[in-house]
PDB file of all heavy atoms in Angstrom:
ATOM      1  N   LEU A   1       2.510   5.351   4.937  1.00  0.00           N
ATOM      2  CA  LEU A   1       3.110   5.997   3.752  1.00  0.00           C
ATOM      3  C   LEU A   1       4.570   6.333   4.014  1.00  0.00           C
ATOM      4  O   LEU A   1       5.444   6.063   3.173  1.00  0.00           O
ATOM      5  CB  LEU A   1       2.326   7.263   3.388  1.00  0.00           C
ATOM      6  CG  LEU A   1       0.989   7.077   2.676  1.00  0.00           C
ATOM      7  CD1 LEU A   1       0.203   8.390   2.681  1.00  0.00           C
ATOM      8  CD2 LEU A   1       1.203   6.602   1.246  1.00  0.00           C
ATOM      9  N   ASN A   2       4.840   6.923   5.169  1.00  0.00           N
ATOM     10  CA  ASN A   2       6.213   7.329   5.488  1.00  0.00           C
ATOM     11  C   ASN A   2       7.146   6.119   5.583  1.00  0.00           C
ATOM     12  O   ASN A   2       8.291   6.160   5.116  1.00  0.00           O
ATOM     13  CB  ASN A   2       6.239   8.096   6.807  1.00  0.00           C
ATOM     14  CG  ASN A   2       5.568   9.448   6.712  1.00  0.00           C
ATOM     15  OD1 ASN A   2       5.392   9.983   5.602  1.00  0.00           O
ATOM     16  ND2 ASN A   2       5.182  10.018   7.845  1.00  0.00           N
ATOM     17  N   ARG A   3       6.661   5.031   6.174  1.00  0.00           N
ATOM     18  CA  ARG A   3       7.514   3.849   6.339  1.00  0.00           C
ATOM     19  C   ARG A   3       7.853   3.216   4.999  1.00  0.00           C
ATOM     20  O   ARG A   3       8.984   2.783   4.773  1.00  0.00           O
ATOM     21  CB  ARG A   3       6.819   2.839   7.257  1.00  0.00           C
ATOM     22  CG  ARG A   3       6.803   3.282   8.717  1.00  0.00           C
ATOM     23  CD  ARG A   3       5.997   2.336   9.599  1.00  0.00           C
ATOM     24  NE  ARG A   3       5.981   2.800  10.985  1.00  0.00           N
ATOM     25  CZ  ARG A   3       5.227   2.274  11.942  1.00  0.00           C
ATOM     26  NH1 ARG A   3       4.427   1.242  11.662  1.00  0.00           N
ATOM     27  NH2 ARG A   3       5.262   2.761  13.165  1.00  0.00           N
ATOM     28  N   PHE A   4       6.887   3.148   4.100  1.00  0.00           N
ATOM     29  CA  PHE A   4       7.179   2.577   2.786  1.00  0.00           C
ATOM     30  C   PHE A   4       8.129   3.468   1.996  1.00  0.00           C
ATOM     31  O   PHE A   4       8.993   2.978   1.256  1.00  0.00           O
ATOM     32  CB  PHE A   4       5.880   2.342   2.006  1.00  0.00           C
ATOM     33  CG  PHE A   4       5.228   1.020   2.322  1.00  0.00           C
ATOM     34  CD1 PHE A   4       4.133   0.955   3.169  1.00  0.00           C
ATOM     35  CD2 PHE A   4       5.731  -0.163   1.798  1.00  0.00           C
ATOM     36  CE1 PHE A   4       3.547  -0.261   3.481  1.00  0.00           C
ATOM     37  CE2 PHE A   4       5.153  -1.390   2.096  1.00  0.00           C
ATOM     38  CZ  PHE A   4       4.052  -1.429   2.944  1.00  0.00           C
ATOM     39  N   LYS A   5       7.995   4.777   2.152  1.00  0.00           N
ATOM     40  CA  LYS A   5       8.898   5.693   1.448  1.00  0.00           C
ATOM     41  C   LYS A   5      10.312   5.611   2.010  1.00  0.00           C
ATOM     42  O   LYS A   5      11.301   5.671   1.279  1.00  0.00           O
ATOM     43  CB  LYS A   5       8.360   7.120   1.550  1.00  0.00           C
ATOM     44  CG  LYS A   5       7.105   7.359   0.718  1.00  0.00           C
ATOM     45  CD  LYS A   5       6.575   8.780   0.880  1.00  0.00           C
ATOM     46  CE  LYS A   5       5.326   9.004   0.044  1.00  0.00           C
ATOM     47  NZ  LYS A   5       4.768  10.370   0.223  1.00  0.00           N
ATOM     48  N   GLU A   6      10.408   5.457   3.347  1.00  0.00           N
ATOM     49  CA  GLU A   6      11.732   5.378   3.981  1.00  0.00           C
ATOM     50  C   GLU A   6      12.454   4.093   3.597  1.00  0.00           C
ATOM     51  O   GLU A   6      13.664   4.096   3.350  1.00  0.00           O
ATOM     52  CB  GLU A   6      11.573   5.456   5.502  1.00  0.00           C
ATOM     53  CG  GLU A   6      11.161   6.835   6.004  1.00  0.00           C
ATOM     54  CD  GLU A   6      10.796   6.819   7.474  1.00  0.00           C
ATOM     55  OE1 GLU A   6      10.890   5.731   8.098  1.00  0.00           O
ATOM     56  OE2 GLU A   6      10.412   7.872   7.987  1.00  0.00           O
ATOM     57  N   THR A   7      11.739   2.985   3.570  1.00  0.00           N
ATOM     58  CA  THR A   7      12.363   1.697   3.265  1.00  0.00           C
ATOM     59  C   THR A   7      12.457   1.421   1.766  1.00  0.00           C
ATOM     60  O   THR A   7      13.176   0.516   1.349  1.00  0.00           O
ATOM     61  CB  THR A   7      11.566   0.545   3.914  1.00  0.00           C
ATOM     62  OG1 THR A   7      10.230   0.540   3.394  1.00  0.00           O
ATOM     63  CG2 THR A   7      11.511   0.721   5.436  1.00  0.00           C
ATOM     64  N   ARG A   8      11.700   2.206   0.990  1.00  0.00           N
ATOM     65  CA  ARG A   8      11.663   2.041  -0.477  1.00  0.00           C
ATOM     66  C   ARG A   8      11.176   0.654  -0.889  1.00  0.00           C
ATOM     67  O   ARG A   8      11.540   0.147  -1.952  1.00  0.00           O
ATOM     68  CB  ARG A   8      13.041   2.330  -1.095  1.00  0.00           C
ATOM     69  CG  ARG A   8      13.521   3.752  -0.853  1.00  0.00           C
ATOM     70  CD  ARG A   8      14.850   4.028  -1.520  1.00  0.00           C
ATOM     71  NE  ARG A   8      15.294   5.393  -1.275  1.00  0.00           N
ATOM     72  CZ  ARG A   8      16.415   5.923  -1.730  1.00  0.00           C
ATOM     73  NH1 ARG A   8      17.250   5.174  -2.458  1.00  0.00           N
ATOM     74  NH2 ARG A   8      16.738   7.167  -1.463  1.00  0.00           N
ATOM     75  N   ARG A   9      10.380   0.061  -0.048  1.00  0.00           N
ATOM     76  CA  ARG A   9       9.770  -1.225  -0.382  1.00  0.00           C
ATOM     77  C   ARG A   9       8.412  -0.985  -1.024  1.00  0.00           C
ATOM     78  O   ARG A   9       7.760   0.028  -0.782  1.00  0.00           O
ATOM     79  CB  ARG A   9       9.609  -2.085   0.872  1.00  0.00           C
ATOM     80  CG  ARG A   9      10.924  -2.460   1.533  1.00  0.00           C
ATOM     81  CD  ARG A   9      10.687  -3.372   2.713  1.00  0.00           C
ATOM     82  NE  ARG A   9      10.088  -4.627   2.308  1.00  0.00           N
ATOM     83  CZ  ARG A   9       9.626  -5.537   3.163  1.00  0.00           C
ATOM     84  NH1 ARG A   9       9.669  -5.303   4.456  1.00  0.00           N
ATOM     85  NH2 ARG A   9       9.098  -6.662   2.712  1.00  0.00           N
ATOM     86  N   GLU A  10       7.981  -1.947  -1.822  1.00  0.00           N
ATOM     87  CA  GLU A  10       6.699  -1.816  -2.495  1.00  0.00           C
ATOM     88  C   GLU A  10       5.617  -2.521  -1.695  1.00  0.00           C
ATOM     89  O   GLU A  10       5.808  -3.636  -1.202  1.00  0.00           O
ATOM     90  CB  GLU A  10       6.776  -2.416  -3.904  1.00  0.00           C
ATOM     91  CG  GLU A  10       5.508  -2.198  -4.717  1.00  0.00           C
ATOM     92  CD  GLU A  10       5.673  -2.634  -6.163  1.00  0.00           C
ATOM     93  OE1 GLU A  10       6.582  -2.118  -6.831  1.00  0.00           O
ATOM     94  OE2 GLU A  10       4.900  -3.514  -6.604  1.00  0.00           O
ATOM     95  N   HIS A  11       4.485  -1.878  -1.572  1.00  0.00           N
ATOM     96  CA  HIS A  11       3.348  -2.477  -0.883  1.00  0.00           C
ATOM     97  C   HIS A  11       2.857  -3.682  -1.684  1.00  0.00           C
ATOM     98  O   HIS A  11       2.827  -3.639  -2.919  1.00  0.00           O
ATOM     99  CB  HIS A  11       2.228  -1.444  -0.734  1.00  0.00           C
ATOM    100  CG  HIS A  11       1.126  -1.860   0.174  1.00  0.00           C
ATOM    101  ND1 HIS A  11       0.165  -2.806  -0.168  1.00  0.00           N
ATOM    102  CD2 HIS A  11       0.809  -1.448   1.436  1.00  0.00           C
ATOM    103  CE1 HIS A  11      -0.667  -2.957   0.832  1.00  0.00           C
ATOM    104  NE2 HIS A  11      -0.307  -2.155   1.820  1.00  0.00           N
ATOM    105  N   PRO A  12       2.470  -4.778  -1.028  1.00  0.00           N
ATOM    106  CA  PRO A  12       2.044  -5.979  -1.758  1.00  0.00           C
ATOM    107  C   PRO A  12       0.877  -5.752  -2.722  1.00  0.00           C
ATOM    108  O   PRO A  12       0.708  -6.524  -3.670  1.00  0.00           O
ATOM    109  CB  PRO A  12       1.630  -6.942  -0.634  1.00  0.00           C
ATOM    110  CG  PRO A  12       2.381  -6.475   0.561  1.00  0.00           C
ATOM    111  CD  PRO A  12       2.494  -4.998   0.435  1.00  0.00           C
ATOM    112  N   LEU A  13       0.085  -4.710  -2.492  1.00  0.00           N
ATOM    113  CA  LEU A  13      -1.088  -4.472  -3.333  1.00  0.00           C
ATOM    114  C   LEU A  13      -0.931  -3.285  -4.275  1.00  0.00           C
ATOM    115  O   LEU A  13      -1.888  -2.884  -4.930  1.00  0.00           O
ATOM    116  CB  LEU A  13      -2.333  -4.254  -2.446  1.00  0.00           C
ATOM    117  CG  LEU A  13      -2.726  -5.394  -1.518  1.00  0.00           C
ATOM    118  CD1 LEU A  13      -3.963  -5.024  -0.703  1.00  0.00           C
ATOM    119  CD2 LEU A  13      -2.965  -6.667  -2.311  1.00  0.00           C
ATOM    120  N   THR A  14       0.276  -2.718  -4.359  1.00  0.00           N
ATOM    121  CA  THR A  14       0.470  -1.530  -5.185  1.00  0.00           C
ATOM    122  C   THR A  14       0.131  -1.791  -6.646  1.00  0.00           C
ATOM    123  O   THR A  14      -0.545  -0.980  -7.299  1.00  0.00           O
ATOM    124  CB  THR A  14       1.920  -1.023  -5.075  1.00  0.00           C
ATOM    125  OG1 THR A  14       2.205  -0.671  -3.722  1.00  0.00           O
ATOM    126  CG2 THR A  14       2.142   0.188  -5.959  1.00  0.00           C
ATOM    127  N   THR A  15       0.596  -2.892  -7.196  1.00  0.00           N
ATOM    128  CA  THR A  15       0.334  -3.199  -8.613  1.00  0.00           C
ATOM    129  C   THR A  15      -1.167  -3.304  -8.868  1.00  0.00           C
ATOM    130  O   THR A  15      -1.677  -2.782  -9.867  1.00  0.00           O
ATOM    131  CB  THR A  15       1.017  -4.517  -9.013  1.00  0.00           C
ATOM    132  OG1 THR A  15       2.418  -4.407  -8.772  1.00  0.00           O
ATOM    133  CG2 THR A  15       0.765  -4.817 -10.483  1.00  0.00           C
ATOM    134  N   GLN A  16      -1.857  -3.933  -7.967  1.00  0.00           N
ATOM    135  CA  GLN A  16      -3.298  -4.111  -8.130  1.00  0.00           C
ATOM    136  C   GLN A  16      -4.065  -2.814  -7.903  1.00  0.00           C
ATOM    137  O   GLN A  16      -5.030  -2.514  -8.621  1.00  0.00           O
ATOM    138  CB  GLN A  16      -3.793  -5.174  -7.147  1.00  0.00           C
ATOM    139  CG  GLN A  16      -5.270  -5.519  -7.281  1.00  0.00           C
ATOM    140  CD  GLN A  16      -5.680  -6.612  -6.316  1.00  0.00           C
ATOM    141  OE1 GLN A  16      -4.841  -7.206  -5.657  1.00  0.00           O
ATOM    142  NE2 GLN A  16      -6.977  -6.886  -6.260  1.00  0.00           N
ATOM    143  N   ALA A  17      -3.624  -2.019  -6.919  1.00  0.00           N
ATOM    144  CA  ALA A  17      -4.368  -0.808  -6.559  1.00  0.00           C
ATOM    145  C   ALA A  17      -3.983   0.386  -7.407  1.00  0.00           C
ATOM    146  O   ALA A  17      -4.789   1.296  -7.594  1.00  0.00           O
ATOM    147  CB  ALA A  17      -4.138  -0.490  -5.079  1.00  0.00           C
ATOM    148  N   GLY A  18      -2.754   0.410  -7.902  1.00  0.00           N
ATOM    149  CA  GLY A  18      -2.321   1.495  -8.771  1.00  0.00           C
ATOM    150  C   GLY A  18      -1.485   2.554  -8.095  1.00  0.00           C
ATOM    151  O   GLY A  18      -0.751   3.288  -8.766  1.00  0.00           O
ATOM    152  N   SER A  19      -1.574   2.685  -6.768  1.00  0.00           N
ATOM    153  CA  SER A  19      -0.763   3.658  -6.035  1.00  0.00           C
ATOM    154  C   SER A  19      -0.602   3.181  -4.607  1.00  0.00           C
ATOM    155  O   SER A  19      -1.370   2.317  -4.120  1.00  0.00           O
ATOM    156  CB  SER A  19      -1.409   5.046  -6.035  1.00  0.00           C
ATOM    157  OG  SER A  19      -2.586   5.060  -5.249  1.00  0.00           O
ATOM    158  N   LEU A  20       0.360   3.757  -3.912  1.00  0.00           N
ATOM    159  CA  LEU A  20       0.606   3.343  -2.526  1.00  0.00           C
ATOM    160  C   LEU A  20      -0.587   3.689  -1.638  1.00  0.00           C
ATOM    161  O   LEU A  20      -1.024   2.872  -0.823  1.00  0.00           O
ATOM    162  CB  LEU A  20       1.882   4.006  -2.002  1.00  0.00           C
ATOM    163  CG  LEU A  20       2.256   3.714  -0.539  1.00  0.00           C
ATOM    164  CD1 LEU A  20       2.359   2.220  -0.287  1.00  0.00           C
ATOM    165  CD2 LEU A  20       3.562   4.423  -0.177  1.00  0.00           C
ATOM    166  N   SER A  21      -1.122   4.898  -1.791  1.00  0.00           N
ATOM    167  CA  SER A  21      -2.268   5.307  -0.969  1.00  0.00           C
ATOM    168  C   SER A  21      -3.462   4.394  -1.202  1.00  0.00           C
ATOM    169  O   SER A  21      -4.141   3.977  -0.251  1.00  0.00           O
ATOM    170  CB  SER A  21      -2.647   6.760  -1.290  1.00  0.00           C
ATOM    171  OG  SER A  21      -1.613   7.643  -0.949  1.00  0.00           O
ATOM    172  N   ALA A  22      -3.709   4.069  -2.457  1.00  0.00           N
ATOM    173  CA  ALA A  22      -4.834   3.187  -2.777  1.00  0.00           C
ATOM    174  C   ALA A  22      -4.589   1.779  -2.242  1.00  0.00           C
ATOM    175  O   ALA A  22      -5.525   1.099  -1.795  1.00  0.00           O
ATOM    176  CB  ALA A  22      -5.058   3.153  -4.281  1.00  0.00           C
ATOM    177  N   ALA A  23      -3.331   1.333  -2.271  1.00  0.00           N
ATOM    178  CA  ALA A  23      -2.998  -0.002  -1.767  1.00  0.00           C
ATOM    179  C   ALA A  23      -3.244  -0.096  -0.265  1.00  0.00           C
ATOM    180  O   ALA A  23      -3.774  -1.098   0.235  1.00  0.00           O
ATOM    181  CB  ALA A  23      -1.546  -0.331  -2.090  1.00  0.00           C
ATOM    182  N   ILE A  24      -2.877   0.952   0.464  1.00  0.00           N
ATOM    183  CA  ILE A  24      -3.095   0.967   1.912  1.00  0.00           C
ATOM    184  C   ILE A  24      -4.593   0.926   2.220  1.00  0.00           C
ATOM    185  O   ILE A  24      -5.047   0.195   3.104  1.00  0.00           O
ATOM    186  CB  ILE A  24      -2.430   2.215   2.541  1.00  0.00           C
ATOM    187  CG1 ILE A  24      -0.907   2.081   2.454  1.00  0.00           C
ATOM    188  CG2 ILE A  24      -2.878   2.388   3.987  1.00  0.00           C
ATOM    189  CD1 ILE A  24      -0.160   3.329   2.875  1.00  0.00           C
ATOM    190  N   ALA A  25      -5.369   1.719   1.475  1.00  0.00           N
ATOM    191  CA  ALA A  25      -6.820   1.744   1.680  1.00  0.00           C
ATOM    192  C   ALA A  25      -7.448   0.394   1.348  1.00  0.00           C
ATOM    193  O   ALA A  25      -8.328  -0.099   2.076  1.00  0.00           O
ATOM    194  CB  ALA A  25      -7.442   2.842   0.823  1.00  0.00           C
ATOM    195  N   MET A  26      -6.985  -0.245   0.268  1.00  0.00           N
ATOM    196  CA  MET A  26      -7.515  -1.543  -0.127  1.00  0.00           C
ATOM    197  C   MET A  26      -7.195  -2.596   0.924  1.00  0.00           C
ATOM    198  O   MET A  26      -8.050  -3.416   1.287  1.00  0.00           O
ATOM    199  CB  MET A  26      -6.928  -1.964  -1.483  1.00  0.00           C
ATOM    200  CG  MET A  26      -7.408  -3.324  -1.974  1.00  0.00           C
ATOM    201  SD  MET A  26      -6.604  -3.815  -3.535  1.00  0.00           S
ATOM    202  CE  MET A  26      -7.324  -2.624  -4.656  1.00  0.00           C
ATOM    203  N   GLU A  27      -5.963  -2.586   1.428  1.00  0.00           N
ATOM    204  CA  GLU A  27      -5.581  -3.571   2.435  1.00  0.00           C
ATOM    205  C   GLU A  27      -6.367  -3.366   3.725  1.00  0.00           C
ATOM    206  O   GLU A  27      -6.820  -4.336   4.353  1.00  0.00           O
ATOM    207  CB  GLU A  27      -4.078  -3.484   2.733  1.00  0.00           C
ATOM    208  CG  GLU A  27      -3.617  -4.518   3.749  1.00  0.00           C
ATOM    209  CD  GLU A  27      -2.139  -4.443   4.049  1.00  0.00           C
ATOM    210  OE1 GLU A  27      -1.574  -3.328   4.000  1.00  0.00           O
ATOM    211  OE2 GLU A  27      -1.549  -5.496   4.321  1.00  0.00           O
ATOM    212  N   ARG A  28      -6.546  -2.122   4.122  1.00  0.00           N
ATOM    213  CA  ARG A  28      -7.289  -1.841   5.351  1.00  0.00           C
ATOM    214  C   ARG A  28      -8.704  -2.431   5.267  1.00  0.00           C
ATOM    215  O   ARG A  28      -9.217  -3.002   6.228  1.00  0.00           O
ATOM    216  CB  ARG A  28      -7.331  -0.334   5.603  1.00  0.00           C
ATOM    217  CG  ARG A  28      -7.702   0.039   7.025  1.00  0.00           C
ATOM    218  CD  ARG A  28      -7.727   1.543   7.209  1.00  0.00           C
ATOM    219  NE  ARG A  28      -6.415   2.140   7.116  1.00  0.00           N
ATOM    220  CZ  ARG A  28      -5.537   2.200   8.121  1.00  0.00           C
ATOM    221  NH1 ARG A  28      -5.842   1.659   9.288  1.00  0.00           N
ATOM    222  NH2 ARG A  28      -4.365   2.782   7.959  1.00  0.00           N
ATOM    223  N   GLU A  29      -9.327  -2.287   4.093  1.00  0.00           N
ATOM    224  CA  GLU A  29     -10.672  -2.821   3.903  1.00  0.00           C
ATOM    225  C   GLU A  29     -10.669  -4.348   3.937  1.00  0.00           C
ATOM    226  O   GLU A  29     -11.537  -4.971   4.556  1.00  0.00           O
ATOM    227  CB  GLU A  29     -11.244  -2.321   2.574  1.00  0.00           C
ATOM    228  CG  GLU A  29     -12.658  -2.801   2.292  1.00  0.00           C
ATOM    229  CD  GLU A  29     -13.209  -2.278   0.982  1.00  0.00           C
ATOM    230  OE1 GLU A  29     -12.511  -1.463   0.319  1.00  0.00           O
ATOM    231  OE2 GLU A  29     -14.328  -2.680   0.617  1.00  0.00           O
ATOM    232  N   ARG A  30      -9.690  -4.957   3.259  1.00  0.00           N
ATOM    233  CA  ARG A  30      -9.640  -6.416   3.207  1.00  0.00           C
ATOM    234  C   ARG A  30      -9.353  -7.035   4.574  1.00  0.00           C
ATOM    235  O   ARG A  30      -9.807  -8.142   4.866  1.00  0.00           O
ATOM    236  CB  ARG A  30      -8.567  -6.868   2.219  1.00  0.00           C
ATOM    237  CG  ARG A  30      -8.922  -6.639   0.760  1.00  0.00           C
ATOM    238  CD  ARG A  30      -7.881  -7.281  -0.133  1.00  0.00           C
ATOM    239  NE  ARG A  30      -8.198  -7.086  -1.545  1.00  0.00           N
ATOM    240  CZ  ARG A  30      -7.451  -7.551  -2.547  1.00  0.00           C
ATOM    241  NH1 ARG A  30      -6.354  -8.268  -2.281  1.00  0.00           N
ATOM    242  NH2 ARG A  30      -7.793  -7.334  -3.791  1.00  0.00           N
ATOM    243  N   MET A  31      -8.604  -6.344   5.397  1.00  0.00           N
ATOM    244  CA  MET A  31      -8.188  -6.907   6.684  1.00  0.00           C
ATOM    245  C   MET A  31      -9.206  -6.664   7.793  1.00  0.00           C
ATOM    246  O   MET A  31      -9.035  -7.173   8.901  1.00  0.00           O
ATOM    247  CB  MET A  31      -6.833  -6.314   7.099  1.00  0.00           C
ATOM    248  CG  MET A  31      -5.689  -6.609   6.133  1.00  0.00           C
ATOM    249  SD  MET A  31      -5.366  -8.375   5.957  1.00  0.00           S
ATOM    250  CE  MET A  31      -4.678  -8.756   7.546  1.00  0.00           C
ATOM    251  N   GLN A  32     -10.238  -5.901   7.519  1.00  0.00           N
ATOM    252  CA  GLN A  32     -11.204  -5.541   8.557  1.00  0.00           C
ATOM    253  C   GLN A  32     -11.828  -6.754   9.251  1.00  0.00           C
ATOM    254  O   GLN A  32     -11.980  -6.753  10.489  1.00  0.00           O
ATOM    255  CB  GLN A  32     -12.294  -4.642   7.977  1.00  0.00           C
ATOM    256  CG  GLN A  32     -13.260  -4.082   9.009  1.00  0.00           C
ATOM    257  CD  GLN A  32     -12.572  -3.226  10.055  1.00  0.00           C
ATOM    258  OE1 GLN A  32     -11.531  -2.638   9.816  1.00  0.00           O
ATOM    259  NE2 GLN A  32     -13.164  -3.173  11.248  1.00  0.00           N
TER     260      GLN A  32
END
């Protein structure tokens, strides 16, 4: 979360997940 906020880049799954936190959780599950 901190790194994305510092760089102001968008997470690749933000649009699909709806929020940065949800995008991180979704990616973690997909990458398992």
